[in-house]
């Protein structure tokens, strides 16, 4: 098992000194699948938690090995590479010539959050801003192996559910009559100290241009869609709400969720909204402990979730948002007309969690030109689901979308895009203790007024080249030493032979 090898390398210094690298096979045995594997802590990111009980175990099988320090690289092999390495290893064991062996050598090789409102915010309107319902999901995951971080259940099931809910709400006829503004926020960097949500709050506090038109004081409720891909218990979809505090807004959201689907329970909260007078509700597929046995693991893939459950969560969210945004008596007829497109959910799962079709799927190619096929962490946003057609529909819209309320979408497609009215923004996701000024990054000192910044490790990542693997035959060190010893012996014998020969020749000449 991966964790046992690394633990030995860390605890046994003599063994660790002999390790130059670890190659991990991609195969997973049945025991690991049954038991589960999670390389993060039992209480993920506990340093950012508002709870007094920091020893609580949400992630029962968490090993924490992802945060350990290693003096050697650990590589997860691809299926093809694993076959090659296995053949070489078997050949080394059977080799009759112990003085040669095959070796493998490697060449070593934060994004932004997306915000969009529904309906779009009218920046030129003089009307009193409406209360805001902020709906949040996360788009990125983490794992021990950086390039294998699909995060199917945690957190992409929540993001896909959010996108499906947006699609369902976009079909509502009376959206312009909403009494509250719905803003959808898909954040990145949450696995690294909640970078996305903390940066978003920092932008709101300073009222930068990125969040122009959004007032933090107008946020009435935050609804986060977390892991919702495994919410099945005895054949029934069971979702749980985790709330920040009792408040009228929280109670209304719970009532709205119950009105949409009566299968809820109340438990705890999430940390990034603490110390703020904002009511928050998190929708999850677990109550007191994680149901995902592969949280932040490379094994949290397509096979770890259920598409029908994600569609059910999207239906729950879309109908609850309709109730909250309409701010009127429950209308059963109106709610029943809000239906989630199950085919869209299936398409998103195929695009974002598999290599076939992967990012080459029609849904992606209809909006952007992908540079790779297999997805990993980052995903785009479907702008037109929260936008209105613009009167200016010039085929080359990148130049014609001059109005600040306009956004050019599908500009990479053969049609050269179209111009729409949309409040869609890209928000950077980096530490609140970093500032880019005068073409360089500046590390700001810790601020006592920002408790989360005080424990922020300021995550950064190097630029990597493409990881490559090559195998070749080399002589063993023992054989090299024998060759050296033999060379020394030959040299000494040659010197002695020359000396003896010179002595004999010298005597013979004198005798003559």
Protein backbone atom coordinates (compact mmCIF):
# COMPACT_ATOMS: atom_id res chain seq x y z
CA UNK A 1 0.00 0.00 0.00
CA UNK A 2 1.24 3.50 -0.87
CA UNK A 3 1.01 4.91 2.64
CA UNK A 4 3.01 2.07 4.21
CA UNK A 5 5.93 2.53 1.82
CA UNK A 6 6.11 6.24 2.46
CA UNK A 7 5.78 5.83 6.23
CA UNK A 8 8.74 3.47 6.21
CA UNK A 9 10.77 5.90 4.10
CA UNK A 10 10.01 8.70 6.56
CA UNK A 11 10.57 6.75 9.75
CA UNK A 12 13.53 4.65 8.62
CA UNK A 13 16.29 7.10 7.72
CA UNK A 14 18.63 4.35 6.53
CA UNK A 15 15.96 3.07 4.14
CA UNK A 16 15.01 6.58 3.00
CA UNK A 17 18.61 7.32 1.99
CA UNK A 18 18.46 4.41 -0.44
CA UNK A 19 15.24 5.63 -2.09
CA UNK A 20 15.72 7.78 -5.17
CA UNK A 21 12.09 7.62 -6.27
CA UNK A 22 8.87 5.62 -6.02
CA UNK A 23 6.90 4.34 -9.02
CA UNK A 24 3.27 3.53 -8.17
CA UNK A 25 1.22 1.15 -10.28
CA UNK A 26 -2.23 2.43 -11.30
CA UNK A 27 -3.93 -0.86 -10.39
CA UNK A 28 -6.08 -0.89 -7.26
CA UNK A 29 -6.77 -4.09 -5.35
CA UNK A 30 -10.22 -5.05 -4.09
CA UNK A 31 -9.18 -4.53 -0.47
CA UNK A 32 -8.31 -0.87 -1.11
CA UNK A 33 -11.58 -0.33 -2.97
CA UNK A 34 -13.57 -1.83 -0.10
CA UNK A 35 -11.68 0.00 2.64
CA UNK A 36 -11.20 3.27 0.77
CA UNK A 37 -8.23 5.59 0.45
CA UNK A 38 -7.96 9.28 1.26
CA UNK A 39 -4.53 10.98 1.46
CA UNK A 40 -5.77 14.04 3.40
CA UNK A 41 -6.43 14.49 7.10
CA UNK A 42 -9.33 13.10 9.10
CA UNK A 43 -10.44 16.72 9.57
CA UNK A 44 -9.49 18.34 6.24
CA UNK A 45 -8.08 21.87 6.58
CA UNK A 46 -8.76 21.91 10.31
CA UNK A 47 -6.67 25.08 10.69
CA UNK A 48 -9.42 27.02 8.89
CA UNK A 49 -12.22 25.51 10.97
CA UNK A 50 -14.41 27.60 13.28
CA UNK A 51 -15.11 24.61 15.53
CA UNK A 52 -13.62 24.25 18.98
CA UNK A 53 -13.45 20.48 18.57
CA UNK A 54 -10.53 20.27 16.15
CA UNK A 55 -10.13 16.53 16.77
CA UNK A 56 -13.46 15.63 15.18
CA UNK A 57 -13.09 13.06 12.40
CA UNK A 58 -15.12 13.88 9.28
CA UNK A 59 -12.90 11.77 7.03
CA UNK A 60 -12.52 8.51 8.93
CA UNK A 61 -10.05 6.89 6.52
CA UNK A 62 -7.91 9.98 6.01
CA UNK A 63 -4.18 9.20 6.27
CA UNK A 64 -2.75 12.70 5.84
CA UNK A 65 0.14 11.45 3.69
CA UNK A 66 -0.48 14.15 1.07
CA UNK A 67 0.80 16.82 3.46
CA UNK A 68 3.97 14.97 4.50
CA UNK A 69 7.40 16.08 3.33
CA UNK A 70 9.32 13.69 1.12
CA UNK A 71 12.94 13.88 -0.04
CA UNK A 72 12.23 11.79 -3.12
CA UNK A 73 9.68 11.96 -5.97
CA UNK A 74 6.63 9.67 -6.12
CA UNK A 75 5.17 8.98 -9.58
CA UNK A 76 1.87 7.39 -10.54
CA UNK A 77 2.47 5.39 -13.72
CA UNK A 78 0.06 5.30 -16.62
CA UNK A 79 -1.30 1.92 -17.70
CA UNK A 80 1.17 1.71 -20.60
CA UNK A 81 4.14 2.81 -18.48
CA UNK A 82 3.22 0.30 -15.77
CA UNK A 83 3.35 -2.55 -18.28
CA UNK A 84 6.79 -1.45 -19.52
CA UNK A 85 8.19 -1.06 -16.00
CA UNK A 86 6.79 -4.44 -14.93
CA UNK A 87 8.42 -6.15 -17.91
CA UNK A 88 11.74 -4.50 -17.09
CA UNK A 89 11.49 -5.44 -13.41
CA UNK A 90 10.78 -9.08 -14.30
CA UNK A 91 13.69 -9.05 -16.75
CA UNK A 92 16.02 -7.69 -14.07
CA UNK A 93 15.05 -10.50 -11.69
CA UNK A 94 15.61 -13.20 -14.34
CA UNK A 95 18.76 -11.69 -15.85
CA UNK A 96 21.69 -14.10 -15.82
CA UNK A 97 24.17 -11.26 -16.21
CA UNK A 98 24.08 -9.60 -12.80
CA UNK A 99 26.36 -6.81 -13.96
CA UNK A 100 23.69 -5.05 -16.05
CA UNK A 101 20.19 -3.77 -15.27
CA UNK A 102 17.44 -1.61 -16.78
CA UNK A 103 16.50 1.61 -15.05
CA UNK A 104 13.79 4.25 -15.47
CA UNK A 105 14.43 7.99 -15.46
CA UNK A 106 11.93 10.85 -15.32
CA UNK A 107 12.11 14.38 -16.68
CA UNK A 108 10.12 16.51 -14.29
CA UNK A 109 7.82 18.48 -15.61
CA UNK A 110 -3.79 28.99 -9.73
CA UNK A 111 -6.59 29.42 -11.92
CA UNK A 112 -9.64 31.65 -11.43
CA UNK A 113 -13.14 31.31 -10.09
CA UNK A 114 -16.19 32.05 -12.24
CA UNK A 115 -19.16 34.19 -11.21
CA UNK A 116 -22.42 34.68 -13.09
CA UNK A 117 -25.81 36.10 -12.09
CA UNK A 118 -29.33 35.10 -13.05
CA UNK A 119 -30.90 37.12 -14.43
CA UNK A 120 -28.02 39.48 -15.42
CA UNK A 121 -27.43 42.51 -13.19
CA UNK A 122 -28.48 45.75 -14.86
CA UNK A 123 -25.47 47.96 -14.12
CA UNK A 124 -27.20 51.11 -15.44
CA UNK A 125 -30.39 50.67 -13.40
CA UNK A 126 -31.16 53.19 -10.68
CA UNK A 127 -33.43 50.78 -8.80
CA UNK A 128 -32.64 49.62 -5.30
CA UNK A 129 -30.41 46.49 -5.52
CA UNK A 130 -32.23 43.29 -4.74
CA UNK A 131 -31.16 40.95 -1.91
CA UNK A 132 -28.68 38.37 -3.17
CA UNK A 133 -28.82 34.60 -2.93
CA UNK A 134 -25.28 33.36 -3.52
CA UNK A 135 -25.07 29.77 -4.78
CA UNK A 136 -21.57 28.28 -4.52
CA UNK A 137 -19.86 25.13 -5.75
CA UNK A 138 -16.23 24.16 -6.12
CA UNK A 139 -14.57 23.13 -9.38
CA UNK A 140 -11.23 21.77 -8.23
CA UNK A 141 -10.03 18.79 -6.27
CA UNK A 142 -6.69 17.58 -4.95
CA UNK A 143 -4.98 14.25 -4.66
CA UNK A 144 -1.59 12.75 -3.91
CA UNK A 145 -0.99 12.73 -7.66
CA UNK A 146 -1.52 16.15 -9.17
CA UNK A 147 -2.55 15.00 -12.66
CA UNK A 148 -5.11 12.53 -11.33
CA UNK A 149 -7.47 14.83 -9.44
CA UNK A 150 -10.87 14.29 -11.00
CA UNK A 151 -12.77 14.71 -7.72
CA UNK A 152 -15.95 13.14 -9.09
CA UNK A 153 -17.94 13.23 -5.84
CA UNK A 154 -15.86 15.82 -4.03
CA UNK A 155 -16.48 18.36 -5.41
CA UNK A 156 -17.49 18.00 -9.10
CA UNK A 157 -20.83 16.34 -8.32
CA UNK A 158 -21.86 19.60 -6.64
CA UNK A 159 -20.63 21.74 -9.53
CA UNK A 160 -22.41 19.60 -12.12
CA UNK A 161 -25.55 19.77 -10.00
CA UNK A 162 -25.25 23.57 -9.94
CA UNK A 163 -24.86 23.76 -13.73
CA UNK A 164 -27.88 21.52 -14.22
CA UNK A 165 -29.88 23.70 -11.80
CA UNK A 166 -28.86 26.82 -13.77
CA UNK A 167 -30.06 25.13 -16.96
CA UNK A 168 -33.40 24.27 -15.35
CA UNK A 169 -33.92 27.81 -14.03
CA UNK A 170 -33.04 29.29 -17.44
CA UNK A 171 -36.24 27.70 -18.77
CA UNK A 172 -38.43 29.55 -16.26
CA UNK A 173 -40.66 32.16 -17.91
CA UNK A 174 -41.02 34.57 -14.96
CA UNK A 175 -37.32 34.82 -13.99
CA UNK A 176 -37.38 38.58 -14.56
CA UNK A 177 -40.04 38.85 -11.86
CA UNK A 178 -37.74 37.41 -9.19
CA UNK A 179 -37.63 39.50 -6.02
CA UNK A 180 -34.06 38.40 -5.29
CA UNK A 181 -30.90 38.26 -7.37
CA UNK A 182 -29.38 34.80 -7.78
CA UNK A 183 -25.61 34.78 -8.22
CA UNK A 184 -23.79 31.56 -9.06
CA UNK A 185 -20.15 31.26 -8.01
CA UNK A 186 -17.92 28.36 -8.99
CA UNK A 187 -14.74 28.66 -6.97
CA UNK A 188 -11.33 27.11 -7.42
CA UNK A 189 -8.48 26.62 -4.95
CA UNK A 190 -10.79 25.43 -2.15
CA UNK A 191 -8.63 22.39 -1.51
CA UNK A 192 -5.72 24.74 -0.77
CA UNK A 193 -6.94 26.86 2.11
CA UNK A 194 -10.23 27.96 0.50
CA UNK A 195 -8.35 30.28 -1.86
CA UNK A 196 -11.29 30.91 -4.18
CA UNK A 197 -13.91 31.85 -1.61
CA UNK A 198 -11.48 33.85 0.53
CA UNK A 199 -10.26 35.83 -2.49
CA UNK A 200 -13.86 36.47 -3.53
CA UNK A 201 -14.63 37.90 -0.08
CA UNK A 202 -11.47 40.01 -0.23
CA UNK A 203 -12.56 41.42 -3.60
CA UNK A 204 -16.00 42.20 -2.12
CA UNK A 205 -14.45 43.94 0.88
CA UNK A 206 -12.36 46.22 -1.32
CA UNK A 207 -15.07 46.56 -4.01
CA UNK A 208 -12.79 45.97 -6.96
CA UNK A 209 -13.98 46.17 -10.57
CA UNK A 210 -14.24 42.38 -10.71
CA UNK A 211 -17.22 42.42 -8.33
CA UNK A 212 -18.69 45.72 -9.50
CA UNK A 213 -22.45 45.75 -8.88
CA UNK A 214 -22.31 43.19 -6.06
CA UNK A 215 -22.61 44.49 -2.49
CA UNK A 216 -21.63 42.10 0.28
CA UNK A 217 -24.25 43.71 2.52
CA UNK A 218 -26.94 42.60 0.06
CA UNK A 219 -26.03 38.90 0.39
CA UNK A 220 -28.92 37.42 2.30
CA UNK A 221 -28.06 33.76 2.00
CA UNK A 222 -25.18 31.57 0.85
CA UNK A 223 -26.19 28.14 -0.47
CA UNK A 224 -23.26 25.84 -1.15
CA UNK A 225 -23.65 22.62 -3.09
CA UNK A 226 -21.02 20.22 -1.83
CA UNK A 227 -20.63 16.49 -2.45
CA UNK A 228 -23.99 15.18 -3.68
CA UNK A 229 -23.01 12.21 -5.84
CA UNK A 230 -23.53 9.45 -3.29
CA UNK A 231 -26.80 10.46 -1.59
CA UNK A 232 -28.52 7.07 -1.70
CA UNK A 233 -29.61 5.24 1.45
CA UNK A 234 -31.75 2.13 1.10
CA UNK A 235 -32.76 3.21 -2.39
CA UNK A 236 -33.87 6.71 -1.29
CA UNK A 237 -32.12 9.97 -2.16
CA UNK A 238 -31.08 11.46 1.17
CA UNK A 239 -29.49 14.90 1.33
CA UNK A 240 -28.31 16.76 4.41
CA UNK A 241 -28.03 20.47 5.14
CA UNK A 242 -25.23 21.94 7.22
CA UNK A 243 -26.04 25.44 8.50
CA UNK A 244 -23.93 28.27 9.91
CA UNK A 245 -26.44 29.61 12.42
CA UNK A 246 -30.12 29.95 13.12
CA UNK A 247 -31.51 32.99 11.34
CA UNK A 248 -34.65 33.95 9.39
CA UNK A 249 -32.75 33.50 6.10
CA UNK A 250 -31.48 30.09 7.14
CA UNK A 251 -34.93 28.99 8.22
CA UNK A 252 -36.44 30.18 4.96
CA UNK A 253 -33.83 28.25 2.99
CA UNK A 254 -34.53 25.09 4.96
CA UNK A 255 -38.26 25.53 4.40
CA UNK A 256 -37.61 26.07 0.68
CA UNK A 257 -35.49 22.93 0.48
CA UNK A 258 -38.16 20.97 2.34
CA UNK A 259 -40.74 22.34 -0.01
CA UNK A 260 -38.69 21.11 -2.95
CA UNK A 261 -37.77 17.74 -1.50
CA UNK A 262 -38.61 16.48 2.02
CA UNK A 263 -35.50 14.52 2.87
CA UNK A 264 -33.30 16.90 4.85
CA UNK A 265 -31.54 17.07 8.18
CA UNK A 266 -29.55 19.87 9.87
CA UNK A 267 -26.00 19.50 11.09
CA UNK A 268 -22.89 21.73 10.83
CA UNK A 269 -21.30 24.48 8.71
CA UNK A 270 -18.37 25.43 6.51
CA UNK A 271 -15.56 27.68 7.67
CA UNK A 272 -14.92 30.30 4.99
CA UNK A 273 -17.99 32.36 5.95
CA UNK A 274 -17.24 32.61 9.64
CA UNK A 275 -17.10 35.98 11.38
CA UNK A 276 -19.57 37.37 8.83
CA UNK A 277 -23.25 38.15 9.41
CA UNK A 278 -24.26 35.95 6.48
CA UNK A 279 -26.53 32.95 6.77
CA UNK A 280 -25.13 29.87 5.10
CA UNK A 281 -26.49 26.45 4.15
CA UNK A 282 -24.42 23.63 2.68
CA UNK A 283 -26.09 20.73 0.86
CA UNK A 284 -24.14 17.49 1.19
CA UNK A 285 -24.52 13.73 0.79
CA UNK A 286 -23.30 13.06 4.33
CA UNK A 287 -24.43 13.84 7.85
CA UNK A 288 -21.72 13.36 10.49
CA UNK A 289 -18.93 11.69 8.47
CA UNK A 290 -17.96 11.63 4.79
CA UNK A 291 -19.68 9.00 2.66
CA UNK A 292 -16.97 9.39 0.03
CA UNK A 293 -14.31 6.77 0.77
CA UNK A 294 -11.95 8.33 -1.76
CA UNK A 295 -12.05 11.98 -0.67
CA UNK A 296 -9.30 13.90 -2.50
CA UNK A 297 -7.96 10.67 -3.93
CA UNK A 298 -7.19 9.72 -7.52
CA UNK A 299 -9.78 6.95 -7.03
CA UNK A 300 -12.62 9.49 -6.77
CA UNK A 301 -13.59 9.00 -10.41
CA UNK A 302 -16.66 8.43 -12.58
CA UNK A 303 -17.38 5.04 -10.98
CA UNK A 304 -17.69 6.66 -7.54
CA UNK A 305 -20.89 8.62 -8.21
CA UNK A 306 -24.48 8.17 -9.36
CA UNK A 307 -25.80 10.45 -12.11
CA UNK A 308 -29.43 10.11 -11.03
CA UNK A 309 -28.54 11.37 -7.56
CA UNK A 310 -26.80 14.42 -9.03
CA UNK A 311 -29.87 15.14 -11.15
CA UNK A 312 -32.06 14.82 -8.03
CA UNK A 313 -29.83 17.31 -6.21
CA UNK A 314 -30.07 19.71 -9.15
CA UNK A 315 -33.86 19.43 -9.09
CA UNK A 316 -33.88 20.11 -5.37
CA UNK A 317 -31.62 23.16 -5.71
CA UNK A 318 -33.40 24.68 -8.72
CA UNK A 319 -36.84 24.40 -7.15
CA UNK A 320 -35.61 25.69 -3.79
CA UNK A 321 -33.97 28.68 -5.50
CA UNK A 322 -37.21 29.40 -7.35
CA UNK A 323 -39.08 29.46 -4.04
CA UNK A 324 -36.49 31.71 -2.39
CA UNK A 325 -36.10 34.10 -5.35
CA UNK A 326 -39.85 34.38 -5.99
CA UNK A 327 -40.46 35.15 -2.31
CA UNK A 328 -44.10 34.13 -2.55
CA UNK A 329 -46.41 31.33 -1.55
CA UNK A 330 -45.45 27.85 -2.66
CA UNK A 331 -46.86 27.16 -6.12
CA UNK A 332 -46.92 23.42 -6.81
CA UNK A 333 -47.76 23.91 -10.47
CA UNK A 334 -44.85 26.31 -11.02
CA UNK A 335 -42.43 24.00 -9.19
CA UNK A 336 -43.48 20.95 -11.19
CA UNK A 337 -42.62 22.84 -14.39
CA UNK A 338 -38.98 23.17 -13.31
CA UNK A 339 -37.35 20.01 -14.59
CA UNK A 340 -33.69 19.07 -14.72
CA UNK A 341 -32.31 17.79 -18.00
CA UNK A 342 -30.92 14.36 -17.08
CA UNK A 343 -29.20 14.11 -20.46
CA UNK A 344 -27.27 17.29 -19.68
CA UNK A 345 -26.08 15.74 -16.41
CA UNK A 346 -24.90 12.64 -18.27
CA UNK A 347 -23.16 14.78 -20.88
CA UNK A 348 -21.38 16.86 -18.23
CA UNK A 349 -20.20 13.72 -16.45
CA UNK A 350 -18.83 12.33 -19.70
CA UNK A 351 -17.12 15.61 -20.58
CA UNK A 352 -15.63 16.37 -17.17
CA UNK A 353 -14.84 12.96 -15.70
CA UNK A 354 -13.82 10.66 -18.56
CA UNK A 355 -11.37 10.64 -21.46
CA UNK A 356 -14.02 9.29 -23.83
CA UNK A 357 -15.41 11.61 -24.99
CA UNK A 358 -13.76 13.90 -22.41
CA UNK A 359 -13.19 17.50 -23.46
CA UNK A 360 -13.70 16.51 -27.08
CA UNK A 361 -17.43 16.15 -26.38
CA UNK A 362 -19.87 18.29 -28.35
CA UNK A 363 -20.87 20.26 -25.27
CA UNK A 364 -17.32 21.55 -24.81
CA UNK A 365 -16.49 21.95 -28.50
CA UNK A 366 -19.66 24.01 -28.92
CA UNK A 367 -18.15 26.67 -26.62
CA UNK A 368 -14.36 26.41 -26.73
CA UNK A 369 -11.56 24.69 -28.58
CA UNK A 370 -10.05 22.28 -26.05
CA UNK A 371 -6.29 21.80 -25.98
CA UNK A 372 -6.50 18.34 -24.38
CA UNK A 373 -8.98 15.47 -24.19
CA UNK A 374 -8.69 14.04 -20.70
CA UNK A 375 -10.13 16.42 -18.06
CA UNK A 376 -8.35 17.34 -14.86
CA UNK A 377 -9.71 19.72 -12.22
CA UNK A 378 -10.46 22.88 -14.14
CA UNK A 379 -13.68 23.34 -16.10
CA UNK A 380 -15.27 26.22 -17.98
CA UNK A 381 -18.64 27.89 -17.58
CA UNK A 382 -21.73 27.76 -19.78
CA UNK A 383 -22.30 31.49 -20.14
CA UNK A 384 -25.52 31.48 -22.11
CA UNK A 385 -27.45 29.73 -19.35
CA UNK A 386 -27.30 32.91 -17.28
CA UNK A 387 -27.40 35.39 -20.15
CA UNK A 388 -29.87 37.09 -22.50
CA UNK A 389 -29.42 37.45 -26.28
CA UNK A 390 -28.02 40.83 -27.29
CA UNK A 391 -29.40 42.87 -30.16
CA UNK A 392 -25.89 42.95 -31.61
CA UNK A 393 -25.30 39.45 -33.00
CA UNK A 394 -22.31 40.15 -35.22
CA UNK A 395 -20.56 36.87 -36.00
CA UNK A 396 -17.24 38.31 -34.86
CA UNK A 397 -18.41 39.47 -31.48
CA UNK A 398 -15.08 39.97 -29.72
CA UNK A 399 -14.84 43.48 -31.18
CA UNK A 400 -18.53 44.39 -31.04
CA UNK A 401 -19.10 43.51 -27.35
CA UNK A 402 -18.02 46.93 -26.16
CA UNK A 403 -20.77 47.42 -23.58
CA UNK A 404 -19.75 46.45 -20.05
CA UNK A 405 -22.93 44.36 -19.73
CA UNK A 406 -22.06 42.33 -22.84
CA UNK A 407 -20.00 39.16 -23.02
CA UNK A 408 -18.68 37.41 -26.11
CA UNK A 409 -19.29 33.66 -25.97
CA UNK A 410 -18.22 30.85 -28.29
CA UNK A 411 -15.57 33.11 -29.82
CA UNK A 412 -13.29 30.09 -30.43
CA UNK A 413 -15.89 28.22 -32.48
CA UNK A 414 -16.16 28.43 -36.29
CA UNK A 415 -19.18 30.74 -35.90
CA UNK A 416 -16.85 33.27 -34.19
CA UNK A 417 -19.19 33.64 -31.23
CA UNK A 418 -22.16 35.76 -30.32
CA UNK A 419 -22.69 38.77 -28.08
CA UNK A 420 -24.95 38.32 -25.04
CA UNK A 421 -26.00 40.36 -22.04
CA UNK A 422 -24.46 38.60 -19.06
CA UNK A 423 -22.97 39.33 -15.66
CA UNK A 424 -20.12 36.86 -15.86
CA UNK A 425 -16.77 37.54 -14.22
CA UNK A 426 -13.52 35.68 -13.72
CA UNK A 427 -12.12 36.13 -10.22
CA UNK A 428 -8.49 35.29 -9.40
CA UNK A 429 -7.92 32.57 -6.84
CA UNK A 430 -4.73 33.17 -4.93
CA UNK A 431 -3.81 33.86 -1.33
CA UNK A 432 -5.12 37.05 0.27
CA UNK A 433 -1.56 37.58 1.50
CA UNK A 434 -0.26 37.94 -2.06
CA UNK A 435 -0.36 41.17 -4.03
CA UNK A 436 0.74 41.75 -7.62
CA UNK A 437 2.30 45.16 -7.93
CA UNK A 438 4.86 46.68 -10.33
CA UNK A 439 5.11 43.44 -12.32
CA UNK A 440 6.04 41.35 -9.29
CA UNK A 441 4.40 39.43 -6.47
CA UNK A 442 4.60 40.84 -2.96
CA UNK A 443 4.06 38.75 0.17
CA UNK A 444 2.02 40.75 2.65
CA UNK A 445 2.63 40.32 6.40
CA UNK A 446 0.00 38.45 8.44
CA UNK A 447 -2.94 40.61 9.52
CA UNK A 448 -4.33 39.93 12.99
CA UNK A 449 -7.77 41.09 11.82
CA UNK A 450 -7.83 38.23 9.31
CA UNK A 451 -7.71 34.98 11.35
CA UNK A 452 -7.75 32.82 8.23
CA UNK A 453 -4.87 34.77 6.72
CA UNK A 454 -2.87 34.16 9.89
CA UNK A 455 -2.87 30.41 9.20
CA UNK A 456 -2.61 30.72 5.43
CA UNK A 457 0.49 28.81 4.23
CA UNK A 458 0.44 30.84 0.96
CA UNK A 459 0.34 28.03 -1.55
CA UNK A 460 2.29 28.44 -4.79
CA UNK A 461 3.33 26.01 -7.50
CA UNK A 462 6.27 25.89 -9.85
CA UNK A 463 6.03 25.81 -13.63
CA UNK A 464 6.42 22.23 -14.78
CA UNK A 465 7.53 20.67 -18.03
CA UNK A 466 5.80 17.58 -19.40
CA UNK A 467 6.58 14.49 -17.33
CA UNK A 468 8.37 11.83 -19.39
CA UNK A 469 9.66 8.31 -18.74
CA UNK A 470 12.56 6.55 -20.44
CA UNK A 471 14.18 3.20 -19.78
CA UNK A 472 17.69 2.07 -20.66
CA UNK A 473 20.33 -0.45 -19.61
CA UNK A 474 23.19 0.48 -17.28
CA UNK A 475 25.92 -1.46 -15.52
CA UNK A 476 25.42 -2.11 -11.85
CA UNK A 477 27.59 -0.29 -9.30
CA UNK A 478 29.14 -3.59 -8.16
CA UNK A 479 30.25 -4.41 -11.67
CA UNK A 480 31.72 -0.90 -12.03
CA UNK A 481 33.72 -1.41 -8.84
CA UNK A 482 35.02 -4.77 -10.08
CA UNK A 483 36.07 -3.18 -13.36
CA UNK A 484 37.87 -0.44 -11.43
CA UNK A 485 39.61 -2.98 -9.20
CA UNK A 486 40.62 -5.07 -12.19
CA UNK A 487 41.99 -1.98 -13.89
CA UNK A 488 44.06 -1.09 -10.84
CA UNK A 489 45.42 -4.63 -10.64
CA UNK A 490 46.27 -4.66 -14.34
CA UNK A 491 47.98 -1.28 -13.98
CA UNK A 492 50.05 -2.45 -11.01
CA UNK A 493 51.02 -5.70 -12.73
CA UNK A 494 51.92 -3.78 -15.89
CA UNK A 495 54.09 -1.43 -13.85
CA UNK A 496 55.84 -4.37 -12.14
CA UNK A 497 56.32 -6.13 -15.46
CA UNK A 498 57.86 -3.01 -16.98
CA UNK A 499 60.14 -2.54 -13.96
CA UNK A 500 61.30 -6.16 -14.01
CA UNK A 501 61.79 -6.07 -17.76
CA UNK A 502 63.89 -2.90 -17.54
CA UNK A 503 66.04 -4.45 -14.79
CA UNK A 504 66.62 -7.63 -16.77
CA UNK A 505 67.43 -5.71 -19.95
CA UNK A 506 69.82 -3.41 -18.08
CA UNK A 507 71.72 -6.40 -16.62
CA UNK A 508 71.91 -8.09 -19.96
CA UNK A 509 73.40 -5.01 -21.59
CA UNK A 510 76.01 -4.66 -18.85
CA UNK A 511 76.96 -8.33 -19.20
CA UNK A 512 77.54 -7.86 -22.92
